[in-house]
Protein backbone atom coordinates (compact mmCIF):
# COMPACT_ATOMS: atom_id res chain seq x y z
CA MET A 1 0.00 0.00 0.00
CA THR A 2 1.39 3.40 -0.91
CA SER A 3 1.02 6.51 1.16
CA ALA A 4 -0.99 9.40 -0.31
CA VAL A 5 0.52 11.97 2.04
CA SER A 6 3.09 14.37 0.68
CA ARG A 7 5.53 16.58 2.57
CA GLY A 8 2.97 19.38 2.80
CA GLY A 9 0.42 17.15 4.46
CA LEU A 10 -1.97 17.10 1.47
CA SER A 11 -2.47 14.06 -0.66
CA ASP A 12 -0.89 14.08 -4.08
CA GLU A 13 -4.34 13.57 -5.57
CA VAL A 14 -5.80 16.63 -3.84
CA GLY A 15 -2.85 18.74 -4.96
CA TYR A 16 -3.20 17.51 -8.53
CA PHE A 17 -6.93 18.17 -8.70
CA SER A 18 -6.53 21.57 -7.05
CA ALA A 19 -3.95 22.53 -9.68
CA CYS A 20 -6.26 21.32 -12.47
CA ALA A 21 -9.22 23.24 -11.04
CA ALA A 22 -7.12 26.40 -10.72
CA ALA A 23 -5.94 26.07 -14.33
CA LEU A 24 -9.50 25.61 -15.62
CA HIS A 25 -10.72 28.57 -13.57
CA ALA A 26 -7.91 30.77 -14.91
CA ARG A 27 -8.91 29.92 -18.48
CA ARG A 28 -12.54 30.90 -17.84
CA VAL A 29 -11.84 34.19 -16.06
CA ARG A 30 -11.03 37.11 -18.30
CA ALA A 31 -9.16 40.06 -16.92
CA ALA A 32 -11.55 42.98 -16.52
CA ALA A 33 -10.49 46.38 -17.77
CA GLY A 34 -9.72 48.69 -14.87
CA ALA A 35 -11.52 52.01 -15.00
CA THR A 36 -9.55 55.15 -14.21
CA ASP A 37 -12.57 57.43 -14.71
CA ASP A 38 -16.30 57.14 -15.42
CA VAL A 39 -16.95 55.00 -18.52
CA SER A 40 -19.51 55.79 -21.25
CA PHE A 41 -21.21 53.09 -23.31
CA TYR A 42 -23.02 54.28 -26.45
CA VAL A 43 -26.28 52.86 -27.80
CA ALA A 44 -28.22 53.69 -30.98
CA PRO A 45 -31.17 51.98 -32.68
CA ASP A 46 -28.97 51.35 -35.75
CA GLY A 47 -25.96 50.16 -33.70
CA ASN A 48 -24.42 46.69 -33.62
CA ASP A 49 -24.19 44.32 -30.66
CA ASP A 50 -21.98 41.70 -32.35
CA GLY A 51 -18.63 41.87 -30.54
CA ASN A 52 -18.91 45.61 -30.05
CA ASP A 53 -17.37 47.17 -26.93
CA CYS A 54 -19.88 50.09 -27.06
CA LEU A 55 -17.15 52.60 -26.13
CA ALA A 56 -17.24 54.85 -29.21
CA ALA A 57 -20.12 57.13 -30.17
CA ASP A 58 -19.47 56.34 -33.85
CA ARG A 59 -19.66 52.56 -33.14
CA PRO A 60 -22.64 52.26 -30.76
CA CYS A 61 -24.27 49.07 -29.60
CA ARG A 62 -27.83 48.37 -30.65
CA THR A 63 -29.33 47.64 -27.23
CA ALA A 64 -28.96 49.12 -23.77
CA GLN A 65 -29.07 45.56 -22.38
CA TYR A 66 -25.93 44.61 -24.32
CA ALA A 67 -24.15 47.80 -23.21
CA TYR A 68 -25.11 47.04 -19.60
CA GLU A 69 -23.82 43.47 -19.90
CA ARG A 70 -20.49 44.72 -21.32
CA ALA A 71 -20.16 47.21 -18.48
CA MET A 72 -20.83 44.62 -15.78
CA ARG A 73 -18.87 41.76 -17.37
CA ASP A 74 -15.84 43.49 -18.87
CA TRP A 75 -15.06 46.30 -16.46
CA ASN A 76 -13.79 46.67 -12.93
CA LEU A 77 -15.30 50.08 -12.35
CA ALA A 78 -13.41 50.54 -9.05
CA GLY A 79 -15.81 53.15 -7.69
CA PHE A 80 -16.34 54.96 -11.01
CA PHE A 81 -19.70 55.12 -12.76
CA PRO A 82 -20.80 53.53 -16.03
CA TYR A 83 -23.03 55.69 -18.22
CA ILE A 84 -25.19 54.22 -20.96
CA ARG A 85 -25.70 57.03 -23.43
CA LEU A 86 -28.72 56.58 -25.69
CA SER A 87 -28.86 58.38 -29.02
CA SER A 88 -32.12 59.87 -30.19
CA GLY A 89 -34.56 57.45 -31.74
CA ILE A 90 -36.80 54.61 -30.70
CA HIS A 91 -35.03 52.04 -28.55
CA HIS A 92 -36.57 48.60 -28.09
CA GLY A 93 -36.02 46.27 -25.15
CA GLY A 94 -35.05 47.04 -21.61
CA VAL A 95 -32.31 46.51 -19.10
């Protein structure tokens, strides 16, 4: 019978699975952009949600919901405020 205890007191199996879990978690977690000021996200009825970061007034997103999701998912606002700036026009959907 072999011993499963390593020098650190944890079994080799636990250490191996912990390392695997940490590696998988690191692959899933994307680094969030760190805000250094308030951040504006632009939305227009004729905008595009496909892969758009919503950060430029000349490249707005189509929906406020998508802009909100980008703000919450992609940014560490660190006490700053996100603003969703809606252009004139009829906007469909909600947040």
